[in-house]
Protein backbone atom coordinates (compact mmCIF):
# COMPACT_ATOMS: atom_id res chain seq x y z
CA UNK A 1 -82.11 1.81 -206.36
CA UNK A 2 -83.41 2.95 -202.99
CA UNK A 3 -81.55 0.63 -200.63
CA UNK A 4 -81.03 0.70 -196.85
CA UNK A 5 -77.74 -0.82 -195.69
CA UNK A 6 -78.32 -1.58 -192.00
CA UNK A 7 -79.17 -5.17 -191.10
CA UNK A 8 -81.88 -5.37 -188.44
CA UNK A 9 -82.63 -9.04 -189.08
CA UNK A 10 -79.35 -10.77 -188.38
CA UNK A 11 -79.91 -14.44 -187.64
CA UNK A 12 -83.67 -13.83 -187.54
CA UNK A 13 -86.14 -15.41 -185.11
CA UNK A 14 -84.45 -18.82 -185.29
CA UNK A 15 -80.78 -18.24 -184.53
CA UNK A 16 -78.59 -21.28 -185.20
CA UNK A 17 -77.44 -23.59 -182.46
CA UNK A 18 -73.83 -22.60 -181.89
CA UNK A 19 -72.89 -26.24 -181.20
CA UNK A 20 -69.93 -25.23 -179.10
CA UNK A 21 -67.30 -27.94 -178.53
CA UNK A 22 -68.17 -30.67 -176.02
CA UNK A 23 -71.73 -29.38 -175.80
CA UNK A 24 -70.75 -26.21 -173.95
CA UNK A 25 -73.70 -24.06 -172.91
CA UNK A 26 -71.82 -20.79 -173.30
CA UNK A 27 -68.60 -19.48 -174.84
CA UNK A 28 -66.97 -16.83 -172.63
CA UNK A 29 -64.56 -14.71 -174.69
CA UNK A 30 -62.20 -12.68 -172.54
CA UNK A 31 -60.58 -9.79 -174.39
CA UNK A 32 -57.69 -7.77 -172.99
CA UNK A 33 -57.12 -4.48 -174.78
CA UNK A 34 -53.45 -3.52 -174.94
CA UNK A 35 -53.31 0.22 -175.70
CA UNK A 36 -50.53 1.49 -173.45
CA UNK A 37 -48.02 3.22 -175.71
CA UNK A 38 -50.38 3.57 -178.65
CA UNK A 39 -52.66 6.30 -177.30
CA UNK A 40 -52.73 9.96 -178.36
CA UNK A 41 -49.46 11.60 -177.38
CA UNK A 42 -47.24 14.19 -179.00
CA UNK A 43 -44.42 11.64 -178.53
CA UNK A 44 -46.33 9.49 -181.03
CA UNK A 45 -46.74 12.28 -183.58
CA UNK A 46 -50.23 13.29 -182.42
CA UNK A 47 -51.36 16.86 -181.89
CA UNK A 48 -52.71 16.39 -178.38
CA UNK A 49 -52.70 14.20 -175.29
CA UNK A 50 -55.11 11.30 -174.70
CA UNK A 51 -58.48 11.95 -173.03
CA UNK A 52 -60.28 8.60 -173.33
CA UNK A 53 -60.79 5.77 -170.81
CA UNK A 54 -58.84 6.81 -167.78
CA UNK A 55 -59.57 7.50 -164.12
CA UNK A 56 -59.35 11.26 -164.74
CA UNK A 57 -62.94 12.50 -164.60
CA UNK A 58 -63.86 14.82 -167.45
CA UNK A 59 -60.44 14.57 -169.07
CA UNK A 60 -59.89 16.74 -172.13
CA UNK A 61 -57.09 16.66 -174.71
CA UNK A 62 -54.17 18.98 -174.10
CA UNK A 63 -53.24 20.39 -177.54
CA UNK A 64 -49.51 20.27 -178.28
CA UNK A 65 -48.68 19.16 -174.72
CA UNK A 66 -47.90 15.99 -172.89
CA UNK A 67 -50.30 15.16 -170.05
CA UNK A 68 -48.21 13.62 -167.27
CA UNK A 69 -51.14 12.36 -165.20
CA UNK A 70 -52.79 10.75 -168.20
CA UNK A 71 -49.53 9.13 -169.30
CA UNK A 72 -48.88 7.72 -165.84
CA UNK A 73 -52.32 6.14 -165.71
CA UNK A 74 -51.68 4.41 -169.04
CA UNK A 75 -48.21 3.46 -167.78
CA UNK A 76 -49.80 1.73 -164.79
CA UNK A 77 -51.61 -0.58 -167.17
CA UNK A 78 -48.37 -1.74 -168.73
CA UNK A 79 -46.21 -1.74 -165.56
CA UNK A 80 -48.62 -3.30 -163.05
CA UNK A 81 -52.09 -4.00 -164.40
CA UNK A 82 -50.98 -6.29 -167.20
CA UNK A 83 -48.89 -8.49 -164.95
CA UNK A 84 -51.67 -8.81 -162.37
CA UNK A 85 -54.04 -9.95 -165.13
CA UNK A 86 -51.40 -12.20 -166.68
CA UNK A 87 -51.04 -14.05 -163.36
CA UNK A 88 -54.81 -14.23 -162.94
CA UNK A 89 -55.44 -15.86 -166.31
CA UNK A 90 -52.40 -18.12 -166.53
CA UNK A 91 -52.90 -19.51 -163.02
CA UNK A 92 -56.46 -20.42 -163.98
CA UNK A 93 -55.49 -21.79 -167.40
CA UNK A 94 -57.83 -19.34 -169.15
CA UNK A 95 -56.64 -18.18 -172.59
CA UNK A 96 -57.51 -14.67 -173.71
CA UNK A 97 -57.49 -12.64 -176.88
CA UNK A 98 -55.34 -9.53 -176.90
CA UNK A 99 -56.59 -6.54 -178.85
CA UNK A 100 -53.12 -5.15 -179.41
CA UNK A 101 -52.56 -1.64 -180.72
CA UNK A 102 -49.62 -2.39 -183.00
CA UNK A 103 -47.51 0.63 -182.04
CA UNK A 104 -48.15 -0.19 -178.37
CA UNK A 105 -47.03 -3.79 -178.86
CA UNK A 106 -43.82 -2.51 -180.43
CA UNK A 107 -43.12 -0.47 -177.28
CA UNK A 108 -43.87 -3.34 -174.87
CA UNK A 109 -41.68 -6.33 -175.82
CA UNK A 110 -41.71 -8.08 -172.42
CA UNK A 111 -45.49 -8.08 -172.32
CA UNK A 112 -45.65 -9.41 -175.90
CA UNK A 113 -43.28 -12.22 -174.95
CA UNK A 114 -45.53 -13.10 -171.99
CA UNK A 115 -48.62 -13.12 -174.21
CA UNK A 116 -46.96 -15.49 -176.66
CA UNK A 117 -45.63 -17.78 -173.92
CA UNK A 118 -49.15 -18.07 -172.50
CA UNK A 119 -50.56 -19.08 -175.88
CA UNK A 120 -52.81 -16.04 -176.05
CA UNK A 121 -54.12 -14.80 -179.36
CA UNK A 122 -52.69 -11.42 -180.33
CA UNK A 123 -55.18 -9.70 -182.62
CA UNK A 124 -54.82 -6.21 -184.06
CA UNK A 125 -56.35 -3.18 -182.39
CA UNK A 126 -55.17 -0.92 -185.21
CA UNK A 127 -51.91 0.91 -185.72
CA UNK A 128 -52.65 3.61 -183.13
CA UNK A 129 -55.27 4.02 -180.39
CA UNK A 130 -56.83 7.13 -181.97
CA UNK A 131 -60.19 8.22 -183.33
CA UNK A 132 -60.74 7.16 -186.95
CA UNK A 133 -64.11 8.81 -187.60
CA UNK A 134 -62.72 11.69 -189.69
CA UNK A 135 -59.84 9.74 -191.19
CA UNK A 136 -59.97 9.54 -195.01
CA UNK A 137 -60.53 5.98 -196.23
CA UNK A 138 -57.23 6.00 -198.10
CA UNK A 139 -55.30 6.93 -194.95
CA UNK A 140 -57.13 4.36 -192.86
CA UNK A 141 -56.36 1.68 -195.46
CA UNK A 142 -52.70 2.73 -195.34
CA UNK A 143 -52.64 2.45 -191.57
CA UNK A 144 -54.31 -0.97 -191.70
CA UNK A 145 -51.63 -2.19 -194.10
CA UNK A 146 -48.88 -0.75 -191.90
CA UNK A 147 -50.43 -2.40 -188.86
CA UNK A 148 -50.27 -5.80 -190.59
CA UNK A 149 -46.62 -5.20 -191.42
CA UNK A 150 -45.58 -4.00 -187.98
CA UNK A 151 -47.64 -6.65 -186.18
CA UNK A 152 -45.78 -9.41 -188.02
CA UNK A 153 -42.48 -7.69 -187.31
CA UNK A 154 -43.17 -7.41 -183.58
CA UNK A 155 -44.99 -10.70 -182.85
CA UNK A 156 -43.61 -12.95 -185.57
CA UNK A 157 -46.84 -13.35 -187.55
CA UNK A 158 -49.60 -11.13 -188.92
CA UNK A 159 -52.88 -10.79 -187.01
CA UNK A 160 -55.77 -13.10 -187.81
CA UNK A 161 -58.35 -10.98 -186.00
CA UNK A 162 -59.11 -7.26 -185.90
CA UNK A 163 -60.83 -4.66 -183.74
CA UNK A 164 -60.18 -0.96 -184.30
CA UNK A 165 -62.63 0.27 -181.65
CA UNK A 166 -62.64 4.00 -182.33
CA UNK A 167 -63.56 3.16 -185.89
CA UNK A 168 -64.98 4.94 -188.94
CA UNK A 169 -67.83 4.02 -191.24
CA UNK A 170 -65.17 2.49 -193.50
CA UNK A 171 -63.39 0.27 -190.98
CA UNK A 172 -65.39 -2.94 -191.36
CA UNK A 173 -65.26 -2.74 -195.14
CA UNK A 174 -61.56 -1.92 -195.25
CA UNK A 175 -60.54 -4.70 -192.88
CA UNK A 176 -62.71 -7.25 -194.71
CA UNK A 177 -61.25 -6.17 -198.04
CA UNK A 178 -57.78 -7.19 -196.87
CA UNK A 179 -59.02 -10.82 -197.17
CA UNK A 180 -56.41 -11.69 -194.53
CA UNK A 181 -58.52 -11.92 -191.37
CA UNK A 182 -60.31 -14.92 -189.90
CA UNK A 183 -62.52 -12.55 -187.93
CA UNK A 184 -63.29 -8.88 -187.32
CA UNK A 185 -65.06 -7.44 -184.29
CA UNK A 186 -65.98 -3.80 -184.94
CA UNK A 187 -69.66 -4.49 -184.24
CA UNK A 188 -71.79 -4.81 -181.12
CA UNK A 189 -74.94 -6.19 -182.74
CA UNK A 190 -75.33 -9.85 -181.78
CA UNK A 191 -74.64 -12.62 -179.29
CA UNK A 192 -73.38 -14.94 -182.03
CA UNK A 193 -70.87 -14.68 -184.86
CA UNK A 194 -72.19 -14.06 -188.34
CA UNK A 195 -70.98 -13.64 -191.91
CA UNK A 196 -70.97 -10.55 -194.07
CA UNK A 197 -70.30 -10.30 -197.78
CA UNK A 198 -67.86 -7.59 -198.86
CA UNK A 199 -67.41 -7.94 -202.60
CA UNK A 200 -66.21 -11.50 -203.18
CA UNK A 201 -65.05 -11.82 -199.56
CA UNK A 202 -67.10 -13.85 -197.07
CA UNK A 203 -65.99 -12.28 -193.78
CA UNK A 204 -66.74 -13.67 -190.35
CA UNK A 205 -67.77 -11.11 -187.73
CA UNK A 206 -67.48 -11.87 -184.01
CA UNK A 207 -69.40 -9.08 -182.26
CA UNK A 208 -67.79 -7.33 -179.30
CA UNK A 209 -69.25 -5.50 -176.30
CA UNK A 210 -69.16 -2.05 -174.73
CA UNK A 211 -71.40 -2.96 -171.80
CA UNK A 212 -69.84 -6.11 -170.31
CA UNK A 213 -66.70 -4.04 -170.43
CA UNK A 214 -64.52 -2.50 -167.74
CA UNK A 215 -64.53 0.76 -169.76
CA UNK A 216 -67.68 1.48 -167.77
CA UNK A 217 -65.40 2.22 -164.79
CA UNK A 218 -64.30 5.29 -166.78
CA UNK A 219 -67.62 6.38 -168.31
CA UNK A 220 -70.98 7.51 -167.01
CA UNK A 221 -73.20 5.74 -166.23
CA UNK A 222 -70.70 3.18 -165.11
CA UNK A 223 -69.32 0.92 -162.42
CA UNK A 224 -67.92 2.31 -159.19
CA UNK A 225 -66.89 -0.91 -157.48
CA UNK A 226 -65.63 -4.32 -158.53
CA UNK A 227 -68.80 -5.78 -157.00
CA UNK A 228 -70.95 -3.89 -159.50
CA UNK A 229 -68.86 -5.26 -162.35
CA UNK A 230 -69.21 -8.78 -160.94
CA UNK A 231 -72.98 -8.41 -160.62
CA UNK A 232 -73.37 -7.30 -164.21
CA UNK A 233 -71.14 -10.10 -165.50
CA UNK A 234 -72.96 -12.68 -163.37
CA UNK A 235 -76.40 -11.55 -164.54
CA UNK A 236 -75.26 -11.65 -168.18
CA UNK A 237 -73.70 -15.07 -167.69
CA UNK A 238 -76.80 -16.49 -165.98
CA UNK A 239 -79.09 -15.30 -168.79
CA UNK A 240 -76.89 -16.65 -171.56
CA UNK A 241 -76.16 -19.90 -169.71
CA UNK A 242 -79.89 -20.54 -169.31
CA UNK A 243 -80.38 -19.94 -173.02
CA UNK A 244 -77.64 -22.47 -173.68
CA UNK A 245 -79.36 -25.02 -171.45
CA UNK A 246 -82.48 -24.48 -173.58
CA UNK A 247 -80.53 -25.30 -176.75
CA UNK A 248 -79.76 -21.72 -177.80
CA UNK A 249 -76.07 -21.46 -176.88
CA UNK A 250 -74.58 -17.99 -177.18
CA UNK A 251 -71.28 -16.16 -176.86
CA UNK A 252 -70.41 -13.83 -173.98
CA UNK A 253 -67.73 -11.24 -174.72
CA UNK A 254 -66.04 -9.44 -171.83
CA UNK A 255 -63.87 -6.40 -172.54
CA UNK A 256 -60.94 -5.58 -170.28
CA UNK A 257 -58.17 -2.96 -170.08
CA UNK A 258 -54.89 -3.20 -168.15
CA UNK A 259 -55.13 0.28 -166.65
CA UNK A 260 -58.74 -0.22 -165.55
CA UNK A 261 -59.53 -3.77 -164.41
CA UNK A 262 -55.84 -4.17 -163.53
CA UNK A 263 -56.34 -1.97 -160.45
CA UNK A 264 -56.67 -3.97 -157.20
CA UNK A 265 -60.12 -2.75 -156.24
CA UNK A 266 -61.52 -3.49 -159.66
CA UNK A 267 -59.89 -6.82 -160.41
CA UNK A 268 -61.56 -8.34 -157.37
CA UNK A 269 -64.88 -8.23 -159.23
CA UNK A 270 -63.37 -10.05 -162.20
CA UNK A 271 -61.80 -12.69 -159.91
CA UNK A 272 -65.17 -13.26 -158.28
CA UNK A 273 -66.82 -13.68 -161.66
CA UNK A 274 -64.23 -16.17 -162.88
CA UNK A 275 -64.76 -18.20 -159.68
CA UNK A 276 -68.48 -18.19 -160.41
CA UNK A 277 -68.24 -19.08 -164.11
CA UNK A 278 -65.64 -21.80 -163.58
CA UNK A 279 -67.96 -23.34 -161.00
CA UNK A 280 -70.42 -24.23 -163.76
CA UNK A 281 -70.24 -27.21 -166.09
CA UNK A 282 -70.35 -26.65 -169.83
CA UNK A 283 -68.47 -23.33 -169.92
CA UNK A 284 -65.97 -22.84 -172.75
CA UNK A 285 -63.28 -20.15 -172.47
CA UNK A 286 -62.02 -19.80 -176.06
CA UNK A 287 -59.82 -17.28 -177.76
CA UNK A 288 -61.62 -15.47 -180.55
CA UNK A 289 -59.61 -17.36 -183.15
CA UNK A 290 -60.99 -20.58 -181.60
CA UNK A 291 -64.52 -19.25 -182.00
CA UNK A 292 -63.78 -18.26 -185.59
CA UNK A 293 -62.40 -21.68 -186.51
CA UNK A 294 -65.34 -23.44 -184.88
CA UNK A 295 -67.90 -21.22 -186.57
CA UNK A 296 -66.31 -21.53 -190.00
CA UNK A 297 -66.37 -25.32 -189.69
CA UNK A 298 -69.79 -25.68 -188.07
CA UNK A 299 -71.65 -22.81 -189.76
CA UNK A 300 -69.91 -22.10 -193.09
CA UNK A 301 -71.29 -19.23 -195.09
CA UNK A 302 -73.76 -19.90 -197.87
CA UNK A 303 -74.44 -17.14 -200.36
CA UNK A 304 -78.00 -16.64 -201.59
CA UNK A 305 -79.49 -14.46 -204.27
CA UNK A 306 -80.61 -11.47 -202.25
CA UNK A 307 -83.73 -9.54 -203.31
CA UNK A 308 -82.28 -6.23 -202.08
CA UNK A 309 -79.28 -6.67 -204.39
CA UNK A 310 -81.12 -7.76 -207.54
CA UNK A 311 -81.58 -5.69 -210.67
CA UNK A 312 -85.14 -4.68 -211.39
CA UNK A 313 -85.35 -7.12 -214.27
CA UNK A 314 -84.21 -10.01 -212.10
CA UNK A 315 -86.40 -8.95 -209.19
CA UNK A 316 -89.56 -8.91 -211.33
CA UNK A 317 -88.56 -12.13 -213.05
CA UNK A 318 -88.12 -13.83 -209.67
CA UNK A 319 -91.07 -12.38 -207.78
CA UNK A 320 -93.47 -11.12 -210.45
CA UNK A 321 -95.59 -14.25 -210.13
CA UNK A 322 -95.81 -14.30 -206.34
CA UNK A 323 -99.02 -12.30 -206.47
CA UNK A 324 -101.10 -14.18 -209.01
CA UNK A 325 -100.77 -12.75 -212.55
CA UNK A 326 -99.89 -9.31 -211.11
CA UNK A 327 -96.22 -8.52 -211.84
CA UNK A 328 -96.86 -4.81 -211.24
CA UNK A 329 -96.83 -5.54 -207.50
CA UNK A 330 -93.22 -6.69 -207.69
CA UNK A 331 -92.30 -3.80 -210.01
CA UNK A 332 -93.50 -1.27 -207.44
CA UNK A 333 -92.02 -3.15 -204.49
CA UNK A 334 -88.60 -2.93 -206.13
CA UNK A 335 -88.75 0.86 -205.74
CA UNK A 336 -89.23 0.67 -201.96
CA UNK A 337 -86.40 1.21 -199.47
CA UNK A 338 -85.33 -2.42 -199.49
CA UNK A 339 -82.45 -3.72 -197.41
CA UNK A 340 -81.14 -6.86 -195.69
CA UNK A 341 -84.40 -7.15 -193.75
CA UNK A 342 -86.18 -7.80 -197.05
CA UNK A 343 -83.91 -10.67 -198.04
CA UNK A 344 -86.12 -13.01 -196.02
CA UNK A 345 -89.55 -14.35 -196.88
CA UNK A 346 -91.25 -12.36 -194.12
CA UNK A 347 -89.44 -9.18 -195.06
CA UNK A 348 -90.19 -9.34 -198.77
CA UNK A 349 -93.78 -10.40 -198.09
CA UNK A 350 -94.18 -7.18 -196.14
CA UNK A 351 -92.85 -5.16 -199.08
CA UNK A 352 -95.35 -6.78 -201.46
CA UNK A 353 -98.15 -6.31 -198.93
CA UNK A 354 -97.37 -2.59 -198.67
CA UNK A 355 -97.85 -2.25 -202.41
CA UNK A 356 -101.15 -4.13 -202.28
CA UNK A 357 -102.41 -2.07 -199.34
CA UNK A 358 -101.67 1.23 -201.06
CA UNK A 359 -103.00 0.23 -204.48
CA UNK A 360 -106.32 1.59 -205.74
CA UNK A 361 -109.44 -0.40 -205.18
CA UNK A 362 -109.65 -1.22 -208.88
CA UNK A 363 -106.04 -2.48 -208.83
CA UNK A 364 -106.72 -4.68 -205.83
CA UNK A 365 -109.93 -5.93 -207.42
CA UNK A 366 -107.87 -6.86 -210.47
CA UNK A 367 -105.56 -8.90 -208.24
CA UNK A 368 -108.50 -10.74 -206.72
CA UNK A 369 -110.00 -11.48 -210.12
CA UNK A 370 -106.64 -12.81 -211.34
CA UNK A 371 -106.95 -15.70 -208.89
CA UNK A 372 -108.50 -18.96 -210.12
CA UNK A 373 -111.59 -20.62 -208.66
CA UNK A 374 -110.78 -23.38 -206.21
CA UNK A 375 -111.12 -26.75 -208.00
CA UNK A 376 -112.67 -24.85 -210.91
CA UNK A 377 -112.49 -25.18 -214.66
CA UNK A 378 -108.90 -23.98 -214.94
CA UNK A 379 -107.80 -26.69 -212.52
CA UNK A 380 -109.69 -29.33 -214.46
CA UNK A 381 -108.04 -28.13 -217.66
CA UNK A 382 -104.60 -28.07 -215.95
CA UNK A 383 -104.19 -24.39 -216.72
CA UNK A 384 -103.30 -23.14 -213.24
CA UNK A 385 -99.95 -21.56 -212.47
CA UNK A 386 -97.46 -24.02 -210.96
CA UNK A 387 -97.88 -22.31 -207.59
CA UNK A 388 -101.67 -22.62 -207.63
CA UNK A 389 -101.46 -26.20 -208.80
CA UNK A 390 -99.21 -27.16 -205.89
CA UNK A 391 -101.31 -25.23 -203.39
CA UNK A 392 -104.59 -26.82 -204.43
CA UNK A 393 -102.95 -30.23 -204.39
CA UNK A 394 -101.78 -29.63 -200.81
CA UNK A 395 -105.42 -29.77 -199.67
CA UNK A 396 -106.26 -32.63 -202.06
CA UNK A 397 -108.37 -30.34 -204.23
CA UNK A 398 -106.88 -32.10 -207.25
CA UNK A 399 -108.41 -35.41 -206.17
CA UNK A 400 -112.06 -34.56 -205.54
CA UNK A 401 -114.93 -36.94 -206.04
CA UNK A 402 -117.52 -35.93 -208.61
CA UNK A 403 -119.88 -34.85 -205.83
CA UNK A 404 -117.15 -32.77 -204.13
CA UNK A 405 -116.21 -31.11 -207.41
CA UNK A 406 -119.83 -30.25 -208.07
CA UNK A 407 -120.11 -28.73 -204.59
CA UNK A 408 -117.04 -26.56 -205.12
CA UNK A 409 -118.27 -25.37 -208.49
CA UNK A 410 -121.69 -24.50 -207.04
CA UNK A 411 -120.10 -22.55 -204.19
CA UNK A 412 -117.67 -20.80 -206.55
CA UNK A 413 -120.52 -19.65 -208.77
CA UNK A 414 -122.59 -18.39 -205.83
CA UNK A 415 -119.63 -16.53 -204.32
CA UNK A 416 -118.65 -14.78 -207.56
CA UNK A 417 -122.25 -13.81 -208.28
CA UNK A 418 -122.56 -12.22 -204.86
CA UNK A 419 -119.15 -10.52 -204.51
CA UNK A 420 -117.78 -10.11 -208.03
CA UNK A 421 -114.46 -11.90 -207.46
CA UNK A 422 -113.37 -15.51 -206.73
CA UNK A 423 -113.27 -17.08 -203.29
CA UNK A 424 -109.64 -16.76 -202.13
CA UNK A 425 -108.12 -18.61 -199.23
CA UNK A 426 -104.60 -19.68 -198.32
CA UNK A 427 -105.12 -23.34 -199.09
CA UNK A 428 -101.93 -24.47 -197.35
CA UNK A 429 -103.25 -23.15 -194.04
CA UNK A 430 -106.38 -25.31 -194.35
CA UNK A 431 -107.81 -28.76 -194.96
CA UNK A 432 -110.43 -29.60 -197.55
CA UNK A 433 -113.10 -29.68 -194.82
CA UNK A 434 -111.91 -26.36 -193.42
CA UNK A 435 -112.05 -24.73 -196.85
CA UNK A 436 -115.62 -25.92 -197.39
CA UNK A 437 -116.61 -24.61 -193.96
CA UNK A 438 -115.02 -21.23 -194.70
CA UNK A 439 -116.81 -21.12 -198.05
CA UNK A 440 -120.20 -21.46 -196.38
CA UNK A 441 -119.37 -18.90 -193.69
CA UNK A 442 -117.96 -16.28 -196.02
CA UNK A 443 -120.87 -16.57 -198.44
CA UNK A 444 -122.96 -14.90 -195.74
CA UNK A 445 -120.61 -11.90 -195.38
CA UNK A 446 -121.16 -8.54 -197.07
CA UNK A 447 -118.93 -7.69 -200.00
CA UNK A 448 -116.82 -5.10 -198.17
CA UNK A 449 -115.96 -7.61 -195.48
CA UNK A 450 -115.11 -10.19 -198.10
CA UNK A 451 -113.03 -7.75 -200.10
CA UNK A 452 -110.86 -7.09 -197.06
CA UNK A 453 -110.71 -10.79 -196.19
CA UNK A 454 -109.74 -11.78 -199.71
CA UNK A 455 -106.98 -9.13 -199.84
CA UNK A 456 -105.57 -10.41 -196.56
CA UNK A 457 -105.60 -13.93 -197.96
CA UNK A 458 -103.70 -12.75 -201.04
CA UNK A 459 -101.00 -11.41 -198.71
CA UNK A 460 -100.88 -14.70 -196.84
CA UNK A 461 -100.57 -16.71 -200.04
CA UNK A 462 -97.70 -14.47 -201.16
CA UNK A 463 -95.91 -14.99 -197.86
CA UNK A 464 -96.25 -18.77 -198.11
CA UNK A 465 -94.95 -18.73 -201.66
CA UNK A 466 -91.95 -16.66 -200.65
CA UNK A 467 -91.16 -19.07 -197.83
CA UNK A 468 -90.65 -21.73 -200.48
CA UNK A 469 -87.76 -19.78 -202.04
CA UNK A 470 -86.28 -17.47 -199.38
CA UNK A 471 -84.99 -17.91 -195.83
């Protein structure tokens, strides 16, 4: 099977209404990453110092050495930045989600106590704040299990949410396979939560952000001043808030780090944004566990039979009749690079259309000739396919007067004699009067024009049929 795993469709063109509590127009999820004490350091058994997300421009790892400047910057986050942010959020009554590196939490007991006292959610940020891209899956799974164990030991309960951050291609699968998490966040691909299926596990994903994130103070291009951070947050908020007012409520994730936004000149931008956001009605500041519980209750997952996951036999059985009496179209479509985008009616219709468009002229002519005449002898004898029967009935072609039936039969005969194939039109897009008008117009066309028109109508009919059975 030639299958493509990435999901470009997501919620599709009609994303669900989030239906946030109390009719909120936007859910603002504030995330505070706690990494101080879990970063690369030979004290932690690593082979080099940390080089990521600090105020040291162009930092590089120091192999087999401690990096005093780097360590002291991380230490600032724990010693000063965290407490400044703790005061900011608790004084405003805003709960946050902690992405806690488990080994860092173990080295910072006073901060953990303050998080718990504030009622903040403490999610897992992995066992260590290190790069996982080259980590074997077995080792990553071991570290995930150890993180669960140590997290419960340090905080009193296991994590219910997860974000590794510097993840591997295996991270999402491995965390979902634990079947212990209400949510995971190692994606950046949406403004709403969504479900994924990992084996028998229906796993909720709450996407995160790398752009509405203070990490941009330590990367290029990035923020230089707190005012720039405020401006970006405000613009994002305004856009999403307006969408919520229009009935398309979204989620706004904001990523924060103690050693970055905790600095005085940077935190001013965050304070200004919170003033702005709290000045609006209909703004919900949930923890991510609150979002997860709401989404699971309001938008529970529903599994469907997905075309991209079917066997060939099942695929042809299910879709072989979509193009009238031409199962070979479905057989060939099965061999295309299908993926999640083809699990919708529009997506699979495109796959079938590609097969039709690349078929030989004789094959396409065979498809056209497989279609019945409108209100013809097969309809009178009740020998149409169920799909054709329903379609013709939708335009009342099953309830014609004798004169109307005679007119259709006369036009059918004239059209076939001129073009060599039946008159084909997507009946559900038309009325009886519109079909008769199109009949008269298209009888005057040359055969090449009609061949192209009829093929396009076959594609449209297939799309409409698929919309009856797929999202």
